[in-house]
């Protein structure tokens, strides 16, 4: 099994466990409270270079990248400095 297959297998197990504690209905209620955001494609094409910034604590290949991680604060900083879109890769570990 390669690293991508291992990540997918681990994520499937994690999702199965989380489905036992958080219902789809609960997730749908949470989504209703999230403010609408710009369309991803539109956001990335509105300037000559539509920068996509990434919030990431660790990488399967590189290990720990930054600690501590406060995703919302990091994302706000990226947005304030011109990022047109933000990719947020978080895991429970």
Protein backbone atom coordinates (compact mmCIF):
# COMPACT_ATOMS: atom_id res chain seq x y z
CA UNK A 1 0.00 0.00 0.00
CA UNK A 2 1.46 3.39 -0.98
CA UNK A 3 1.19 6.51 1.18
CA UNK A 4 -1.86 7.90 -0.64
CA UNK A 5 -3.71 4.61 -0.28
CA UNK A 6 -2.80 4.54 3.43
CA UNK A 7 -4.06 8.11 3.93
CA UNK A 8 -7.36 7.25 2.21
CA UNK A 9 -7.80 4.05 4.24
CA UNK A 10 -7.10 5.89 7.50
CA UNK A 11 -9.48 8.71 6.56
CA UNK A 12 -12.28 6.23 5.75
CA UNK A 13 -11.92 4.72 9.23
CA UNK A 14 -11.91 8.16 10.83
CA UNK A 15 -15.03 9.22 8.94
CA UNK A 16 -16.84 6.03 9.93
CA UNK A 17 -16.07 6.78 13.61
CA UNK A 18 -17.13 10.43 13.33
CA UNK A 19 -20.44 9.45 11.73
CA UNK A 20 -21.26 7.73 15.03
CA UNK A 21 -20.89 10.98 17.00
CA UNK A 22 -22.05 13.73 14.59
CA UNK A 23 -25.14 13.30 12.45
CA UNK A 24 -25.63 14.64 8.93
CA UNK A 25 -28.47 16.77 10.31
CA UNK A 26 -26.06 18.38 12.82
CA UNK A 27 -23.58 19.12 10.05
CA UNK A 28 -26.32 20.65 7.89
CA UNK A 29 -27.32 22.94 10.79
CA UNK A 30 -23.71 24.07 11.18
CA UNK A 31 -23.46 24.86 7.47
CA UNK A 32 -26.45 27.20 7.71
CA UNK A 33 -24.52 29.46 10.09
CA UNK A 34 -21.48 29.82 7.81
CA UNK A 35 -21.39 33.07 5.84
CA UNK A 36 -21.32 32.65 2.07
CA UNK A 37 -17.88 32.86 0.49
CA UNK A 38 -16.88 33.83 -3.04
CA UNK A 39 -16.92 31.20 -5.74
CA UNK A 40 -13.54 29.44 -5.84
CA UNK A 41 -12.97 29.73 -9.61
CA UNK A 42 -14.07 33.38 -9.65
CA UNK A 43 -11.84 34.19 -6.67
CA UNK A 44 -8.79 32.63 -8.31
CA UNK A 45 -9.33 34.50 -11.60
CA UNK A 46 -10.05 38.01 -10.29
CA UNK A 47 -6.41 39.08 -10.28
CA UNK A 48 -3.48 38.35 -12.58
CA UNK A 49 -2.26 35.76 -10.11
CA UNK A 50 -5.00 34.19 -7.98
CA UNK A 51 -2.91 32.92 -5.09
CA UNK A 52 -4.25 29.93 -3.17
CA UNK A 53 -2.72 29.83 0.33
CA UNK A 54 -2.62 26.65 2.37
CA UNK A 55 -3.16 26.20 6.10
CA UNK A 56 -1.50 22.97 7.09
CA UNK A 57 -0.08 21.72 10.39
CA UNK A 58 1.76 18.67 9.14
CA UNK A 59 2.44 16.65 6.04
CA UNK A 60 2.55 12.85 5.65
CA UNK A 61 5.92 13.17 3.92
CA UNK A 62 7.47 16.17 5.76
CA UNK A 63 5.99 15.72 9.23
CA UNK A 64 5.25 18.71 11.50
CA UNK A 65 5.24 22.04 9.64
CA UNK A 66 3.99 24.43 12.31
CA UNK A 67 2.87 24.27 15.91
CA UNK A 68 0.70 25.64 17.39
CA UNK A 69 -1.86 26.01 14.63
CA UNK A 70 -4.81 28.39 14.83
CA UNK A 71 -6.41 27.84 11.39
CA UNK A 72 -8.81 30.80 11.52
CA UNK A 73 -6.07 33.26 12.49
CA UNK A 74 -3.73 31.95 9.81
CA UNK A 75 -6.50 32.14 7.18
CA UNK A 76 -7.35 35.72 8.18
CA UNK A 77 -3.68 36.64 7.76
CA UNK A 78 -3.58 35.05 4.32
CA UNK A 79 -6.77 36.87 3.29
CA UNK A 80 -5.47 40.22 4.60
CA UNK A 81 -2.31 39.74 2.54
CA UNK A 82 -4.00 39.01 -0.77
CA UNK A 83 -4.77 35.29 -0.93
CA UNK A 84 -7.73 34.79 -3.26
CA UNK A 85 -8.56 31.33 -1.89
CA UNK A 86 -7.48 29.27 1.10
CA UNK A 87 -6.97 25.53 1.33
CA UNK A 88 -7.23 24.29 4.90
CA UNK A 89 -5.91 20.80 5.49
CA UNK A 90 -6.62 19.67 9.02
CA UNK A 91 -6.74 16.28 10.60
CA UNK A 92 -7.51 15.20 14.12
CA UNK A 93 -3.92 14.04 14.73
